[in-house]
Protein backbone atom coordinates (compact mmCIF):
# COMPACT_ATOMS: atom_id res chain seq x y z
CA MET A 1 0.00 0.00 0.00
CA TYR A 2 2.92 2.38 0.65
CA TRP A 3 4.03 2.70 -2.94
CA ARG A 4 0.48 2.99 -4.20
CA ALA A 5 -0.34 5.83 -1.82
CA ASN A 6 2.88 7.58 -2.79
CA ALA A 7 1.94 7.28 -6.47
CA ILE A 8 -1.33 9.22 -6.22
CA VAL A 9 0.01 12.79 -6.41
CA PRO A 10 2.72 12.15 -9.04
CA LEU A 11 0.19 10.29 -11.19
CA LEU A 12 -2.29 13.16 -10.98
CA ARG A 13 0.45 15.70 -11.75
CA ASN A 14 1.49 13.77 -14.86
CA ILE A 15 -2.09 13.50 -16.07
CA HIS A 16 -2.74 17.17 -15.36
CA GLN A 17 0.44 18.21 -17.14
CA TYR A 18 -0.65 16.25 -20.22
CA GLU A 19 -4.09 17.83 -20.14
CA GLU A 20 -2.67 21.33 -19.73
CA THR A 21 -0.03 21.01 -22.46
CA VAL A 22 -1.90 18.88 -25.02
CA ILE A 23 -5.64 18.59 -24.41
CA PHE A 24 -6.51 22.10 -23.23
CA PRO A 25 -4.60 23.94 -26.00
CA ALA A 26 -6.37 21.75 -28.59
CA TYR A 27 -9.72 22.51 -26.95
CA GLU A 28 -9.02 26.24 -26.84
CA ALA A 29 -7.98 26.19 -30.50
CA ALA A 30 -11.22 24.37 -31.40
CA LEU A 31 -13.22 27.08 -29.63
CA THR A 32 -11.49 29.91 -31.49
CA GLY A 33 -13.83 31.41 -34.05
CA SER A 34 -16.91 30.32 -32.20
CA ASP A 35 -18.26 32.06 -29.16
CA ALA A 36 -15.12 31.01 -27.26
CA ASN A 37 -15.33 31.00 -23.51
CA LEU A 38 -11.99 29.99 -22.05
CA ALA A 39 -13.36 30.14 -18.51
CA SER A 40 -13.85 26.39 -18.68
CA THR A 41 -10.16 25.66 -19.10
CA ARG A 42 -9.28 28.16 -16.38
CA ARG A 43 -11.68 26.35 -14.06
CA LEU A 44 -10.30 22.94 -15.04
CA ARG A 45 -6.75 24.15 -14.33
CA ALA A 46 -7.86 25.43 -10.92
CA GLU A 47 -9.47 22.07 -10.24
CA HIS A 48 -6.13 20.43 -11.00
CA VAL A 49 -4.50 22.40 -8.19
CA GLU A 50 -7.32 21.61 -5.77
CA ASP A 51 -7.30 17.92 -6.66
CA GLU A 52 -3.54 17.65 -6.18
CA CYS A 53 -3.79 19.31 -2.75
CA PHE A 54 -6.65 17.03 -1.75
CA ALA A 55 -4.75 14.00 -3.08
CA GLY A 56 -1.78 15.02 -0.92
CA GLU A 57 -3.98 14.95 2.17
CA VAL A 58 -5.41 11.57 1.21
CA THR A 59 -1.87 10.26 0.65
CA GLU A 60 -0.83 11.39 4.12
CA ILE A 61 -3.70 9.58 5.82
CA LEU A 62 -3.22 6.43 3.75
CA LEU A 63 0.49 6.36 4.57
CA ALA A 64 -0.29 6.83 8.27
CA ILE A 65 -2.72 3.93 8.13
CA GLY A 66 -0.17 1.86 6.22
CA HIS A 67 2.38 2.52 8.96
CA GLY A 68 -0.02 1.18 11.56
CA GLU A 69 -1.36 4.42 13.00
CA THR A 70 -4.79 4.18 14.54
CA VAL A 71 -7.66 5.68 12.60
CA GLU A 72 -9.48 7.83 15.12
CA ASP A 73 -12.31 8.84 12.79
CA ALA A 74 -12.99 6.34 10.04
CA GLU A 75 -15.91 8.44 8.81
CA ALA A 76 -13.57 11.39 8.22
CA VAL A 77 -11.24 9.19 6.18
CA GLY A 78 -14.20 7.93 4.16
CA PHE A 79 -15.37 11.49 3.64
CA MET A 80 -11.90 12.49 2.38
CA LEU A 81 -11.80 9.59 -0.07
CA ARG A 82 -15.32 10.24 -1.35
CA GLY A 83 -14.53 13.93 -1.71
CA LEU A 84 -11.47 13.25 -3.84
CA PHE A 85 -13.21 10.62 -5.95
CA GLU A 86 -16.30 12.75 -6.54
CA SER A 87 -14.23 15.76 -7.54
CA LEU A 88 -12.26 13.65 -10.02
CA ARG A 89 -15.46 12.07 -11.40
CA ARG A 90 -17.04 15.48 -12.06
CA HIS A 91 -13.87 16.75 -13.70
CA ILE A 92 -13.59 13.70 -15.96
CA ALA A 93 -17.30 13.79 -16.82
CA PHE A 94 -17.03 17.41 -17.97
CA GLU A 95 -14.00 16.62 -20.10
CA ARG A 96 -15.73 13.60 -21.66
CA GLU A 97 -18.90 15.54 -22.43
CA HIS A 98 -17.44 18.84 -23.58
CA VAL A 99 -13.69 18.86 -24.14
CA LEU A 100 -12.98 15.57 -25.91
CA PRO A 101 -15.77 15.88 -28.50
CA MET A 102 -14.53 19.36 -29.45
CA ILE A 103 -11.06 18.04 -30.23
CA GLY A 104 -12.29 14.99 -32.11
CA VAL A 105 -11.53 12.36 -29.49
CA VAL A 106 -14.07 9.57 -29.31
CA ASP A 107 -14.40 8.33 -25.76
CA ALA A 108 -15.13 4.61 -25.62
CA GLY A 109 -16.31 5.07 -22.05
């Protein structure tokens, strides 16, 4: 579990870097000429920062559990995990519904 918990933040950073350097510029280019509203990509970039911070907190608690520390509030840990997962699900859903179709990527689901 240790290496998996330690992989969460670097994995998210790599994915976010790819989105910000490849996917988002393609999306913004596809919007040019139409009634372009780049607020969506600004929001998605802000979500990246929030998700990485939240993932760091989740990593800390998972590492503590992995090192045998007692979980004083299991509900709080569950809330943290659900919060991270739900945030990521919403982010991915928006990209699948709006961003990917605009850049010609067919999402197989």
